[in-house]
Amino acid sequence: MAEGVLFSIAEEIIKTLGSLTAQEVALWWGLKDQLRKLNDTVTRIKAVIHDAKEQA
């Protein structure tokens, strides 16, 4: 009987940890994508500033 309870508790802990891990991976993946987009934006801004300086 106690083994069944412990098994159920362990199963729930594993499910919770798996869910948290999946959420963390998704968060990091989203962050990586946002950083890439930010880098692209900064690169474009630098190009515009460079062009403006050359025209001045």
C-alpha atoms as a PDB file:
ATOM      1  CA  MET A   1       0.000   0.000   0.000  1.00  0.00           C
ATOM      2  CA  ALA A   2       2.730   2.459   0.956  1.00  0.00           C
ATOM      3  CA  GLU A   3       4.615   1.571  -2.217  1.00  0.00           C
ATOM      4  CA  GLY A   4       1.595   2.562  -4.294  1.00  0.00           C
ATOM      5  CA  VAL A   5       1.363   5.929  -2.564  1.00  0.00           C
ATOM      6  CA  LEU A   6       5.083   6.568  -2.974  1.00  0.00           C
ATOM      7  CA  PHE A   7       4.885   5.555  -6.634  1.00  0.00           C
ATOM      8  CA  SER A   8       1.994   7.977  -7.199  1.00  0.00           C
ATOM      9  CA  ILE A   9       3.873  10.798  -5.484  1.00  0.00           C
ATOM     10  CA  ALA A  10       7.025  10.075  -7.498  1.00  0.00           C
ATOM     11  CA  GLU A  11       4.978   9.997 -10.697  1.00  0.00           C
ATOM     12  CA  GLU A  12       3.464  13.414  -9.953  1.00  0.00           C
ATOM     13  CA  ILE A  13       6.883  14.871  -9.121  1.00  0.00           C
ATOM     14  CA  ILE A  14       8.286  13.572 -12.414  1.00  0.00           C
ATOM     15  CA  LYS A  15       5.321  15.013 -14.337  1.00  0.00           C
ATOM     16  CA  THR A  16       5.759  18.384 -12.641  1.00  0.00           C
ATOM     17  CA  LEU A  17       9.507  18.477 -13.259  1.00  0.00           C
ATOM     18  CA  GLY A  18       8.989  17.492 -16.889  1.00  0.00           C
ATOM     19  CA  SER A  19       6.445  20.251 -17.321  1.00  0.00           C
ATOM     20  CA  LEU A  20       8.716  22.821 -15.668  1.00  0.00           C
ATOM     21  CA  THR A  21      11.644  21.727 -17.817  1.00  0.00           C
ATOM     22  CA  ALA A  22       9.549  22.049 -20.964  1.00  0.00           C
ATOM     23  CA  GLN A  23       8.439  25.520 -19.882  1.00  0.00           C
ATOM     24  CA  GLU A  24      12.022  26.561 -19.166  1.00  0.00           C
ATOM     25  CA  VAL A  25      13.223  25.306 -22.548  1.00  0.00           C
ATOM     26  CA  ALA A  26      10.390  27.177 -24.248  1.00  0.00           C
ATOM     27  CA  LEU A  27      11.292  30.329 -22.315  1.00  0.00           C
ATOM     28  CA  TRP A  28      14.970  30.092 -23.305  1.00  0.00           C
ATOM     29  CA  TRP A  29      14.061  29.345 -26.915  1.00  0.00           C
ATOM     30  CA  GLY A  30      11.812  32.416 -26.972  1.00  0.00           C
ATOM     31  CA  LEU A  31      14.537  34.514 -25.369  1.00  0.00           C
ATOM     32  CA  LYS A  32      17.058  33.335 -27.938  1.00  0.00           C
ATOM     33  CA  ASP A  33      14.680  34.323 -30.736  1.00  0.00           C
ATOM     34  CA  GLN A  34      14.066  37.737 -29.161  1.00  0.00           C
ATOM     35  CA  LEU A  35      17.822  38.345 -28.828  1.00  0.00           C
ATOM     36  CA  ARG A  36      18.313  37.441 -32.486  1.00  0.00           C
ATOM     37  CA  LYS A  37      15.574  39.890 -33.494  1.00  0.00           C
ATOM     38  CA  LEU A  38      17.112  42.600 -31.297  1.00  0.00           C
ATOM     39  CA  ASN A  39      20.512  42.001 -32.877  1.00  0.00           C
ATOM     40  CA  ASP A  40      18.967  42.334 -36.353  1.00  0.00           C
ATOM     41  CA  THR A  41      17.293  45.599 -35.351  1.00  0.00           C
ATOM     42  CA  VAL A  42      20.513  47.043 -33.918  1.00  0.00           C
ATOM     43  CA  THR A  43      22.366  46.076 -37.093  1.00  0.00           C
ATOM     44  CA  ARG A  44      19.770  47.892 -39.215  1.00  0.00           C
ATOM     45  CA  ILE A  45      19.920  50.980 -36.996  1.00  0.00           C
ATOM     46  CA  LYS A  46      23.716  51.052 -37.282  1.00  0.00           C
ATOM     47  CA  ALA A  47      23.432  50.861 -41.076  1.00  0.00           C
ATOM     48  CA  VAL A  48      20.958  53.768 -41.162  1.00  0.00           C
ATOM     49  CA  ILE A  49      23.194  55.882 -38.904  1.00  0.00           C
ATOM     50  CA  HIS A  50      26.218  55.061 -41.061  1.00  0.00           C
ATOM     51  CA  ASP A  51      24.332  56.070 -44.229  1.00  0.00           C
ATOM     52  CA  ALA A  52      23.136  59.293 -42.595  1.00  0.00           C
ATOM     53  CA  LYS A  53      26.700  60.206 -41.599  1.00  0.00           C
ATOM     54  CA  GLU A  54      27.932  59.594 -45.134  1.00  0.00           C
ATOM     55  CA  GLN A  55      25.210  61.825 -46.600  1.00  0.00           C
ATOM     56  CA  ALA A  56      25.955  64.643 -44.146  1.00  0.00           C
END
